[in-house]
Protein backbone atom coordinates (compact mmCIF):
# COMPACT_ATOMS: atom_id res chain seq x y z
CA UNK A 1 17.28 -22.78 -22.10
CA UNK A 2 19.65 -20.08 -20.89
CA UNK A 3 21.04 -19.93 -17.39
CA UNK A 4 18.78 -16.99 -16.49
CA UNK A 5 15.77 -18.80 -17.95
CA UNK A 6 16.37 -21.94 -15.89
CA UNK A 7 16.96 -19.85 -12.75
CA UNK A 8 13.67 -17.99 -13.36
CA UNK A 9 11.75 -21.21 -14.08
CA UNK A 10 13.11 -22.86 -10.93
CA UNK A 11 12.14 -19.83 -8.82
CA UNK A 12 8.63 -19.66 -10.30
CA UNK A 13 8.17 -23.43 -9.83
CA UNK A 14 9.48 -23.43 -6.23
CA UNK A 15 7.31 -20.58 -4.89
CA UNK A 16 3.54 -20.04 -4.88
CA UNK A 17 3.97 -16.29 -5.31
CA UNK A 18 7.04 -14.57 -6.77
CA UNK A 19 7.69 -10.90 -7.40
CA UNK A 20 10.56 -10.07 -9.73
CA UNK A 21 11.32 -6.51 -8.73
CA UNK A 22 13.89 -3.76 -8.45
CA UNK A 23 15.16 -4.04 -4.89
CA UNK A 24 13.52 -6.33 -2.36
CA UNK A 25 10.30 -6.50 -0.37
CA UNK A 26 11.75 -4.49 2.54
CA UNK A 27 13.62 -1.97 0.39
CA UNK A 28 12.13 -1.56 -3.11
CA UNK A 29 14.31 0.45 -5.49
CA UNK A 30 11.59 1.92 -7.72
CA UNK A 31 8.07 3.24 -7.27
CA UNK A 32 6.39 0.52 -9.32
CA UNK A 33 8.14 -2.27 -7.42
CA UNK A 34 7.31 -0.47 -4.19
CA UNK A 35 3.61 -0.31 -5.05
CA UNK A 36 3.28 -4.03 -5.85
CA UNK A 37 5.40 -5.11 -2.86
CA UNK A 38 3.35 -2.76 -0.69
CA UNK A 39 0.09 -4.39 -1.80
CA UNK A 40 1.43 -7.90 -1.18
CA UNK A 41 2.98 -6.93 2.16
CA UNK A 42 -0.19 -5.17 3.34
CA UNK A 43 -2.33 -8.14 2.30
CA UNK A 44 -0.03 -10.47 4.22
CA UNK A 45 0.87 -12.58 1.18
CA UNK A 46 3.86 -14.89 1.66
CA UNK A 47 5.97 -14.33 -1.46
CA UNK A 48 9.49 -14.67 -2.77
CA UNK A 49 11.13 -11.45 -3.91
CA UNK A 50 13.82 -11.50 -6.59
CA UNK A 51 15.99 -8.40 -7.00
CA UNK A 52 16.67 -8.07 -10.73
CA UNK A 53 19.14 -5.24 -10.08
CA UNK A 54 21.56 -7.77 -8.58
CA UNK A 55 21.95 -9.63 -11.90
CA UNK A 56 21.88 -8.06 -15.39
CA UNK A 57 21.21 -11.43 -17.05
CA UNK A 58 18.22 -11.93 -14.78
CA UNK A 59 17.00 -8.36 -15.36
CA UNK A 60 16.82 -8.94 -19.13
CA UNK A 61 16.00 -12.63 -18.74
CA UNK A 62 12.72 -12.02 -16.89
CA UNK A 63 11.55 -9.70 -19.68
CA UNK A 64 12.32 -12.38 -22.28
CA UNK A 65 10.85 -15.15 -20.10
CA UNK A 66 7.45 -13.47 -19.79
CA UNK A 67 7.57 -11.53 -23.05
CA UNK A 68 6.70 -8.50 -20.88
CA UNK A 69 8.86 -5.36 -21.17
CA UNK A 70 8.67 -3.95 -17.64
CA UNK A 71 9.53 -4.81 -14.06
CA UNK A 72 8.05 -5.62 -11.55
CA UNK A 73 6.47 -8.89 -12.62
CA UNK A 74 4.19 -10.98 -10.43
CA UNK A 75 3.78 -14.75 -10.74
CA UNK A 76 1.16 -16.76 -8.85
CA UNK A 77 1.39 -20.57 -8.87
CA UNK A 78 3.55 -20.50 -11.98
CA UNK A 79 1.28 -18.13 -13.89
CA UNK A 80 2.43 -14.68 -15.00
CA UNK A 81 -0.06 -12.15 -13.64
CA UNK A 82 1.38 -8.84 -14.81
CA UNK A 83 3.16 -5.69 -13.76
CA UNK A 84 2.31 -2.75 -11.54
CA UNK A 85 -0.67 -1.38 -13.49
CA UNK A 86 -2.31 -4.79 -13.85
CA UNK A 87 -1.74 -5.75 -10.20
CA UNK A 88 -3.09 -2.36 -9.05
CA UNK A 89 -6.17 -2.75 -11.26
CA UNK A 90 -6.74 -6.32 -10.08
CA UNK A 91 -6.38 -5.27 -6.43
CA UNK A 92 -8.95 -2.48 -6.78
CA UNK A 93 -11.43 -4.63 -8.73
CA UNK A 94 -11.15 -7.64 -6.39
CA UNK A 95 -9.70 -9.83 -9.16
CA UNK A 96 -6.47 -10.33 -7.21
CA UNK A 97 -8.48 -11.67 -4.25
CA UNK A 98 -10.28 -14.01 -6.64
CA UNK A 99 -6.99 -15.21 -8.14
CA UNK A 100 -5.55 -15.88 -4.67
CA UNK A 101 -8.75 -17.70 -3.67
CA UNK A 102 -8.74 -19.80 -6.86
CA UNK A 103 -5.06 -20.70 -6.47
CA UNK A 104 -5.23 -21.36 -2.72
CA UNK A 105 -2.91 -18.51 -1.76
CA UNK A 106 -3.41 -17.17 1.78
CA UNK A 107 -3.96 -13.44 2.19
CA UNK A 108 -5.74 -11.04 4.53
CA UNK A 109 -9.17 -10.34 3.04
CA UNK A 110 -9.79 -7.43 5.45
CA UNK A 111 -6.56 -5.76 4.31
CA UNK A 112 -7.61 -6.18 0.67
CA UNK A 113 -10.97 -4.58 1.46
CA UNK A 114 -9.22 -1.66 3.23
CA UNK A 115 -7.10 -1.01 0.13
CA UNK A 116 -10.29 -0.79 -1.96
CA UNK A 117 -12.03 1.44 0.60
CA UNK A 118 -9.04 3.81 0.70
CA UNK A 119 -9.07 4.08 -3.09
CA UNK A 120 -12.83 4.33 -3.63
């Protein structure tokens, strides 16, 4: 296992929810990262943010780790969920709520409902 791989695995194992993103949760550096961080922030999810721009090995490593070509990437309880389009779709369909419920991740259900109402 490469250094980046072990770092990624340790981060995923140590945190219930992890977002590998460009920038960080308070200052995303791309629109896709901003959208996913915005959803998680608005829903009050406690998550670790990992800035892939700070480390080139990590930036490529996360793509190899998940076999997914784009960033951001969301992990919940060790499971790769997806990128911006998938997280957006899951948020609007209620699947993200269901995943958080199933995995025991705390979030604000009212906030999730407001996101759906605003996008109906």
